[in-house]
Amino acid sequence: MNFEFSQEQELLREQARGFLDENCSAASVREILEGSDSYDAKLWKDMAQLGWMATAIPEEFGGLGLSYYELSVIAEELGRAIAPIPFSSSVYLATEALLLAGSAEQRQRWLPKLATGESIGTFAFAEHAGRPTPANLATTVSGNSLTGTKIAVPDGDISDFAIVVARSDTGDGASVYLVELQDVTRRKVNGIDPTRSHAKLEFQDCKAELLGSEGAGWSLVNQLLNRAAILVAWEQVGGSQAALEQAKEYAMGRYAFGRPIAGFQAIKHKLANVYVKNTLARSNCYFGGWALAGNESELPLAAATARVSATQAYYFASKENIQTHGGMGFTWEFDCQMYYRRAKLLSVSLGSEMWWQDRLISAYEQRNQPVAA
């Protein structure tokens, strides 16, 4: 079984990398990091013209109708470039939620706008520092009115609508709702990576449209998180590889005692360890991409495996990149910090690594349960 990308998909990678090298340089990322803008609006507009947001959206809704393999390629290149845009929240989460559970009317209304980048969506899930569960949800819906507070909502300050997890007052458990955000109180919050904005959203009797079936929200959340986890893992692999290449380039050009530091055993071991973790994470992401592209039964295990290994690889690579640069790596002037910031942010963006380790154990046990005679 071959999980690798096809020749056409690798050609897409070359085109995406060339575009991002030209339009998403480290200098442009640093402008967002040091400035007041929440994202790179010009880059977002240019990407929309290339159809990247429309990659996996069916043609009937204005999309390109391509597979998740192509979306995985784009995700990896965006991670490599540390792109300061709301791609993950709008494409991996909001768009996927509509594709999974949206009504015909909801899809027809929102997917064409998401495909062109005209609208930005997000996913509002967390309410407190602990793990959300159906039992501890405080956000509620009465009739068609939603009230509650969601914290650390990715790109919540710039999104047009949110997919919100809430508890119905009928007592049927968690459900998922689509809420437009024009009348919602938004408070931008500071995070470790300012190139990916977050906001606290305060809902007060906001109009909410049910997404999917009432009471079936937790099942939808699990499906959505599994799908998004694989795509975020591809972003993490892209960033991890870029951090390795940056460390290698510096080590080849930095001389000590008359020779490049890349020739010292300690540096060789550092970079070799990063390479091993990157290769393992990439292998798991290939498996995840295969599961996402049509092998649903393998999705829970593939998503958790990809998520855990990619999270570990990116954090390790970003940390070792700083260490390879020595004292210079800790300075504001060097770009090592941007990979470290993004690695730390993505490590908790869909739940912590420990949470995904628990999901991995559960998925493995469920997959290997003995079949009853």
Protein backbone atom coordinates (compact mmCIF):
# COMPACT_ATOMS: atom_id res chain seq x y z
CA MET A 1 0.00 0.00 0.00
CA ASN A 2 1.50 3.33 -1.08
CA PHE A 3 0.56 6.38 0.98
CA GLU A 4 2.79 8.87 -0.84
CA PHE A 5 1.58 11.71 -3.04
CA SER A 6 1.21 11.32 -6.79
CA GLN A 7 3.26 13.12 -9.43
CA GLU A 8 0.43 15.62 -9.95
CA GLN A 9 0.21 16.30 -6.24
CA GLU A 10 3.96 16.84 -6.04
CA LEU A 11 3.62 19.32 -8.92
CA LEU A 12 0.99 21.14 -6.86
CA ARG A 13 3.51 21.23 -4.01
CA GLU A 14 6.11 22.89 -6.25
CA GLN A 15 3.63 25.51 -7.36
CA ALA A 16 2.41 26.17 -3.81
CA ARG A 17 5.96 26.45 -2.47
CA GLY A 18 6.96 28.84 -5.24
CA PHE A 19 3.95 31.04 -4.56
CA LEU A 20 4.57 31.10 -0.80
CA ASP A 21 8.29 31.74 -1.20
CA GLU A 22 7.38 34.85 -3.17
CA ASN A 23 4.36 36.02 -1.17
CA CYS A 24 4.90 34.73 2.37
CA SER A 25 8.52 35.41 3.25
CA ALA A 26 9.86 35.45 6.79
CA ALA A 27 9.85 39.25 6.58
CA SER A 28 6.12 39.37 5.76
CA VAL A 29 5.33 36.93 8.59
CA ARG A 30 7.34 39.12 10.95
CA GLU A 31 5.25 42.15 9.91
CA ILE A 32 2.16 40.40 11.29
CA LEU A 33 4.09 39.21 14.36
CA GLU A 34 5.24 42.72 15.21
CA GLY A 35 2.22 44.66 13.94
CA SER A 36 -1.44 45.03 14.89
CA ASP A 37 -3.06 43.13 12.01
CA SER A 38 -4.67 39.78 12.82
CA TYR A 39 -3.69 38.19 9.52
CA ASP A 40 -2.16 38.87 6.11
CA ALA A 41 -5.22 40.05 4.15
CA LYS A 42 -3.35 40.33 0.84
CA LEU A 43 -2.01 36.79 1.09
CA TRP A 44 -5.51 35.54 1.90
CA LYS A 45 -6.93 37.29 -1.16
CA ASP A 46 -4.19 35.99 -3.45
CA MET A 47 -4.69 32.44 -2.15
CA ALA A 48 -8.40 32.71 -2.81
CA GLN A 49 -7.65 33.55 -6.45
CA LEU A 50 -5.61 30.34 -6.65
CA GLY A 51 -8.57 28.38 -5.27
CA TRP A 52 -6.81 26.97 -2.21
CA MET A 53 -9.79 27.47 0.13
CA ALA A 54 -11.95 25.70 -2.45
CA THR A 55 -9.71 22.64 -2.78
CA ALA A 56 -11.92 19.98 -1.17
CA ILE A 57 -15.29 21.73 -1.60
CA PRO A 58 -17.53 20.02 -4.20
CA GLU A 59 -17.92 21.78 -7.52
CA GLU A 60 -21.67 22.21 -6.99
CA PHE A 61 -20.85 24.64 -4.17
CA GLY A 62 -18.21 26.60 -6.07
CA GLY A 63 -15.26 24.43 -5.08
CA LEU A 64 -12.61 22.59 -7.07
CA GLY A 65 -13.82 19.14 -6.05
CA LEU A 66 -10.31 17.81 -5.44
CA SER A 67 -9.33 15.26 -2.81
CA TYR A 68 -7.93 15.60 0.68
CA TYR A 69 -4.55 14.58 -0.69
CA GLU A 70 -4.33 17.93 -2.48
CA LEU A 71 -5.52 19.73 0.64
CA SER A 72 -2.85 17.91 2.66
CA VAL A 73 -0.16 19.12 0.25
CA ILE A 74 -1.33 22.71 0.64
CA ALA A 75 -1.51 22.33 4.42
CA GLU A 76 2.09 21.15 4.57
CA GLU A 77 3.33 24.08 2.51
CA LEU A 78 1.36 26.58 4.59
CA GLY A 79 2.97 25.10 7.70
CA ARG A 80 6.38 25.36 6.11
CA ALA A 81 5.80 29.06 5.39
CA ILE A 82 4.28 29.75 8.86
CA ALA A 83 1.49 31.47 6.91
CA PRO A 84 -0.33 34.13 9.02
CA ILE A 85 -3.84 33.41 7.73
CA PRO A 86 -7.09 31.86 9.08
CA PHE A 87 -6.82 28.80 6.82
CA SER A 88 -7.07 26.12 9.49
CA SER A 89 -10.07 27.57 11.30
CA SER A 90 -11.98 28.41 8.12
CA VAL A 91 -11.06 25.39 5.97
CA TYR A 92 -10.25 22.50 8.30
CA LEU A 93 -12.99 23.31 10.82
CA ALA A 94 -15.82 25.53 9.59
CA THR A 95 -15.88 24.19 6.04
CA GLU A 96 -15.57 20.59 7.19
CA ALA A 97 -18.39 21.03 9.70
CA LEU A 98 -20.70 22.22 6.91
CA LEU A 99 -19.63 19.37 4.65
CA LEU A 100 -20.26 16.84 7.41
CA ALA A 101 -23.56 18.08 8.78
CA GLY A 102 -24.82 21.20 7.01
CA SER A 103 -28.25 21.24 5.45
CA ALA A 104 -28.60 21.83 1.72
CA GLU A 105 -29.56 25.44 2.42
CA GLN A 106 -26.65 26.01 4.81
CA ARG A 107 -24.16 24.55 2.37
CA GLN A 108 -25.50 26.57 -0.54
CA ARG A 109 -25.38 29.76 1.52
CA TRP A 110 -21.91 29.42 3.05
CA LEU A 111 -19.69 27.06 1.06
CA PRO A 112 -19.41 29.28 -2.05
CA LYS A 113 -18.34 32.19 0.18
CA LEU A 114 -15.84 30.01 2.02
CA ALA A 115 -14.48 28.74 -1.30
CA THR A 116 -13.70 32.27 -2.49
CA GLY A 117 -12.39 33.48 0.87
CA GLU A 118 -15.19 36.06 0.99
CA SER A 119 -16.30 34.63 4.33
CA ILE A 120 -14.18 33.28 7.16
CA GLY A 121 -15.49 30.71 9.59
CA THR A 122 -14.26 29.28 12.87
CA PHE A 123 -14.99 26.64 15.50
CA ALA A 124 -15.94 27.70 19.04
CA PHE A 125 -15.45 24.82 21.45
CA ALA A 126 -13.49 25.55 24.64
CA GLU A 127 -15.04 27.31 27.63
CA HIS A 128 -12.41 26.76 30.33
CA ALA A 129 -8.92 25.39 30.80
CA GLY A 130 -10.04 21.79 31.30
CA ARG A 131 -11.26 19.29 28.73
CA PRO A 132 -14.73 20.09 27.37
CA THR A 133 -17.30 17.34 27.87
CA PRO A 134 -21.07 17.20 27.22
CA ALA A 135 -21.58 17.40 30.98
CA ASN A 136 -19.56 20.57 31.62
CA LEU A 137 -20.78 22.69 28.70
CA ALA A 138 -22.08 26.02 30.01
CA THR A 139 -23.14 27.46 26.64
CA THR A 140 -26.83 26.76 26.14
CA VAL A 141 -29.51 27.14 23.49
CA SER A 142 -33.12 27.93 24.24
CA GLY A 143 -35.30 27.81 21.18
CA ASN A 144 -33.10 29.46 18.56
CA SER A 145 -31.18 31.67 21.00
CA LEU A 146 -27.65 30.83 22.12
CA THR A 147 -26.03 32.22 25.27
CA GLY A 148 -22.59 31.56 26.69
CA THR A 149 -18.89 32.31 26.42
CA LYS A 150 -16.20 30.59 24.37
CA ILE A 151 -12.53 31.23 24.99
CA ALA A 152 -9.47 31.10 22.74
CA VAL A 153 -11.54 30.85 19.57
CA PRO A 154 -9.09 30.73 16.63
CA ASP A 155 -9.52 33.76 14.37
CA GLY A 156 -12.66 34.63 16.31
CA ASP A 157 -11.93 38.34 15.96
CA ILE A 158 -12.06 38.22 12.14
CA SER A 159 -14.57 35.43 11.41
CA ASP A 160 -18.01 35.98 9.92
CA PHE A 161 -19.59 32.97 11.62
CA ALA A 162 -18.74 30.27 14.13
CA ILE A 163 -19.61 26.62 14.51
CA VAL A 164 -20.53 26.52 18.20
CA VAL A 165 -20.88 23.51 20.51
CA ALA A 166 -23.66 24.05 23.06
CA ARG A 167 -26.16 22.24 25.27
CA SER A 168 -29.83 22.36 24.42
CA ASP A 169 -32.28 23.27 27.17
CA THR A 170 -34.29 20.17 26.20
CA GLY A 171 -31.65 18.05 27.93
CA ASP A 172 -30.75 16.05 24.82
CA GLY A 173 -27.01 16.55 25.27
CA ALA A 174 -24.58 18.53 23.15
CA SER A 175 -25.51 19.91 19.76
CA VAL A 176 -23.69 21.99 17.16
CA TYR A 177 -24.97 25.33 15.92
CA LEU A 178 -24.02 27.88 13.28
CA VAL A 179 -23.97 31.43 14.64
CA GLU A 180 -23.23 34.60 12.67
CA LEU A 181 -20.92 36.86 14.64
CA GLN A 182 -21.87 40.41 13.69
CA ASP A 183 -23.73 40.96 17.00
CA VAL A 184 -21.38 38.93 19.19
CA THR A 185 -19.05 40.62 21.68
CA ARG A 186 -15.47 39.75 20.73
CA ARG A 187 -12.40 40.35 22.81
CA LYS A 188 -9.07 39.65 21.16
CA VAL A 189 -6.72 37.73 23.45
CA ASN A 190 -2.94 37.65 23.41
CA GLY A 191 -1.25 34.37 22.62
CA ILE A 192 2.21 32.96 22.14
CA ASP A 193 1.89 33.30 18.36
CA PRO A 194 0.38 36.66 17.30
CA THR A 195 0.40 35.52 13.64
CA ARG A 196 -2.63 33.39 14.51
CA SER A 197 -5.21 35.50 16.29
CA HIS A 198 -7.64 34.30 18.98
CA ALA A 199 -10.64 35.86 20.64
CA LYS A 200 -13.05 35.40 23.50
CA LEU A 201 -16.62 35.33 22.19
CA GLU A 202 -19.53 36.32 24.41
CA PHE A 203 -22.93 35.23 23.09
CA GLN A 204 -26.13 36.73 24.48
CA ASP A 205 -29.38 35.46 22.97
CA CYS A 206 -27.74 35.12 19.55
CA LYS A 207 -29.64 33.51 16.69
CA ALA A 208 -28.42 29.94 16.27
CA GLU A 209 -29.07 27.46 13.46
CA LEU A 210 -28.85 23.79 14.31
CA LEU A 211 -26.15 21.95 12.38
CA GLY A 212 -26.94 18.28 11.97
CA SER A 213 -29.22 16.47 14.42
CA GLU A 214 -30.08 17.75 17.88
CA GLY A 215 -28.26 15.82 20.58
CA ALA A 216 -25.75 14.34 18.12
CA GLY A 217 -23.25 17.16 18.57
CA TRP A 218 -20.54 15.22 20.37
CA SER A 219 -20.34 12.63 17.61
CA LEU A 220 -20.01 15.45 15.07
CA VAL A 221 -17.32 17.15 17.18
CA ASN A 222 -15.28 13.95 17.28
CA GLN A 223 -15.55 13.52 13.51
CA LEU A 224 -14.58 17.14 12.95
CA LEU A 225 -11.61 17.03 15.31
CA ASN A 226 -10.30 13.83 13.70
CA ARG A 227 -10.42 15.34 10.24
CA ALA A 228 -8.91 18.67 11.28
CA ALA A 229 -6.18 16.92 13.31
CA ILE A 230 -4.75 15.27 10.21
CA LEU A 231 -4.63 18.52 8.26
CA VAL A 232 -3.08 20.40 11.19
CA ALA A 233 -0.56 17.55 11.53
CA TRP A 234 0.48 18.18 7.92
CA GLU A 235 1.02 21.85 8.81
CA GLN A 236 3.14 20.75 11.77
CA VAL A 237 5.24 18.46 9.55
CA GLY A 238 5.80 21.34 7.12
CA GLY A 239 6.94 23.63 9.91
CA SER A 240 9.10 20.93 11.47
CA GLN A 241 10.89 20.30 8.20
CA ALA A 242 11.46 24.02 7.66
CA ALA A 243 12.92 24.33 11.18
CA LEU A 244 15.29 21.44 10.44
CA GLU A 245 16.41 23.04 7.19
CA GLN A 246 16.98 26.38 8.91
CA ALA A 247 19.11 24.69 11.59
CA LYS A 248 21.08 22.76 8.98
CA GLU A 249 21.73 25.86 6.88
CA TYR A 250 23.00 27.78 9.90
CA ALA A 251 25.20 24.88 11.03
CA MET A 252 26.77 24.58 7.58
CA GLY A 253 27.67 28.27 7.50
CA ARG A 254 28.66 28.87 11.13
CA TYR A 255 32.35 28.24 11.78
CA ALA A 256 34.05 27.44 15.06
CA PHE A 257 37.66 26.36 15.53
CA GLY A 258 38.15 26.71 11.80
CA ARG A 259 35.39 24.35 10.64
CA PRO A 260 31.59 24.40 10.20
CA ILE A 261 29.77 23.44 13.40
CA ALA A 262 27.77 20.98 11.27
CA GLY A 263 30.88 18.79 11.41
CA PHE A 264 30.75 18.44 15.20
CA GLN A 265 29.22 15.25 16.51
CA ALA A 266 26.91 17.02 18.97
CA ILE A 267 25.31 19.05 16.17
CA LYS A 268 25.09 16.02 13.89
CA HIS A 269 23.22 14.10 16.57
CA LYS A 270 20.83 17.00 17.18
CA LEU A 271 19.89 17.27 13.52
CA ALA A 272 19.73 13.49 13.05
CA ASN A 273 17.29 13.18 15.96
CA VAL A 274 15.10 15.89 14.43
CA TYR A 275 15.19 14.09 11.09
CA VAL A 276 14.08 10.81 12.68
CA LYS A 277 11.12 12.44 14.44
CA ASN A 278 10.15 14.30 11.26
CA THR A 279 10.25 11.11 9.22
CA LEU A 280 8.06 9.26 11.72
CA ALA A 281 5.57 12.12 11.78
CA ARG A 282 5.46 12.30 7.99
CA SER A 283 4.82 8.57 7.77
CA ASN A 284 1.91 8.89 10.19
CA CYS A 285 0.56 11.86 8.25
CA TYR A 286 0.60 9.83 5.03
CA PHE A 287 -1.51 7.25 6.86
CA GLY A 288 -3.79 10.03 8.07
CA GLY A 289 -4.17 11.47 4.58
CA TRP A 290 -5.09 8.03 3.26
CA ALA A 291 -7.72 7.62 5.99
CA LEU A 292 -9.10 11.11 5.38
CA ALA A 293 -9.37 10.49 1.65
CA GLY A 294 -11.94 7.70 2.03
CA ASN A 295 -11.01 5.15 4.68
CA GLU A 296 -13.28 6.37 7.47
CA SER A 297 -12.93 3.28 9.67
CA GLU A 298 -9.24 4.07 10.18
CA LEU A 299 -9.77 7.76 10.82
CA PRO A 300 -9.82 7.86 14.67
CA LEU A 301 -6.57 5.90 14.96
CA ALA A 302 -4.89 7.66 12.03
CA ALA A 303 -5.85 11.12 13.31
CA ALA A 304 -4.56 10.53 16.84
CA THR A 305 -1.34 8.93 15.60
CA ALA A 306 -0.62 11.76 13.18
CA ARG A 307 -1.53 14.41 15.72
CA VAL A 308 0.69 13.06 18.51
CA SER A 309 3.74 12.35 16.36
CA ALA A 310 3.53 15.66 14.45
CA THR A 311 3.12 17.65 17.67
CA GLN A 312 6.19 16.00 19.18
CA ALA A 313 8.23 16.42 16.00
CA TYR A 314 7.46 20.13 15.53
CA TYR A 315 8.15 21.11 19.12
CA PHE A 316 11.40 19.14 19.14
CA ALA A 317 12.54 20.58 15.79
CA SER A 318 11.73 24.18 16.77
CA LYS A 319 13.56 23.77 20.09
CA GLU A 320 16.63 22.16 18.54
CA ASN A 321 16.68 24.84 15.85
CA ILE A 322 17.09 27.47 18.57
CA GLN A 323 19.76 25.41 20.32
CA THR A 324 21.70 24.89 17.08
CA HIS A 325 21.81 28.66 16.61
CA GLY A 326 23.26 28.99 20.11
CA GLY A 327 22.83 32.29 21.91
CA MET A 328 21.79 33.97 18.67
CA GLY A 329 18.81 31.66 18.43
CA PHE A 330 17.20 33.29 21.46
CA THR A 331 17.35 36.82 20.03
CA TRP A 332 14.41 38.72 18.55
CA GLU A 333 16.33 39.37 15.33
CA PHE A 334 16.57 35.69 14.37
CA ASP A 335 13.54 33.91 12.92
CA CYS A 336 13.85 30.75 15.05
CA GLN A 337 11.21 32.14 17.41
CA MET A 338 8.52 32.06 14.73
CA TYR A 339 8.74 28.28 14.37
CA TYR A 340 8.81 27.82 18.13
CA ARG A 341 5.77 30.06 18.59
CA ARG A 342 3.79 28.22 15.92
CA ALA A 343 4.85 24.81 17.27
CA LYS A 344 3.62 25.70 20.76
CA LEU A 345 0.37 27.12 19.45
CA LEU A 346 -0.46 24.15 17.21
CA SER A 347 0.36 21.74 20.03
CA VAL A 348 -2.81 22.87 21.85
CA SER A 349 -4.96 24.19 19.00
CA LEU A 350 -7.21 21.10 18.86
CA GLY A 351 -6.62 19.82 22.36
CA SER A 352 -3.40 19.02 24.19
CA GLU A 353 -0.95 16.30 23.26
CA MET A 354 -1.98 14.34 26.36
CA TRP A 355 -5.63 14.51 25.28
CA TRP A 356 -4.72 13.11 21.88
CA GLN A 357 -2.60 10.41 23.49
CA ASP A 358 -5.71 9.32 25.40
CA ARG A 359 -7.67 9.31 22.14
CA LEU A 360 -4.92 7.26 20.52
CA ILE A 361 -5.12 4.62 23.25
CA SER A 362 -8.91 4.49 23.01
CA ALA A 363 -8.85 4.22 19.21
CA TYR A 364 -6.24 1.46 19.33
CA GLU A 365 -8.18 -0.53 21.93
CA GLN A 366 -11.43 -0.15 20.02
CA ARG A 367 -9.79 -1.20 16.77
CA ASN A 368 -8.30 -4.32 18.35
CA GLN A 369 -11.28 -5.51 20.32
CA PRO A 370 -11.82 -9.26 19.84
CA VAL A 371 -14.67 -10.13 17.52
CA ALA A 372 -17.49 -11.96 19.32
CA ALA A 373 -18.05 -15.51 18.10
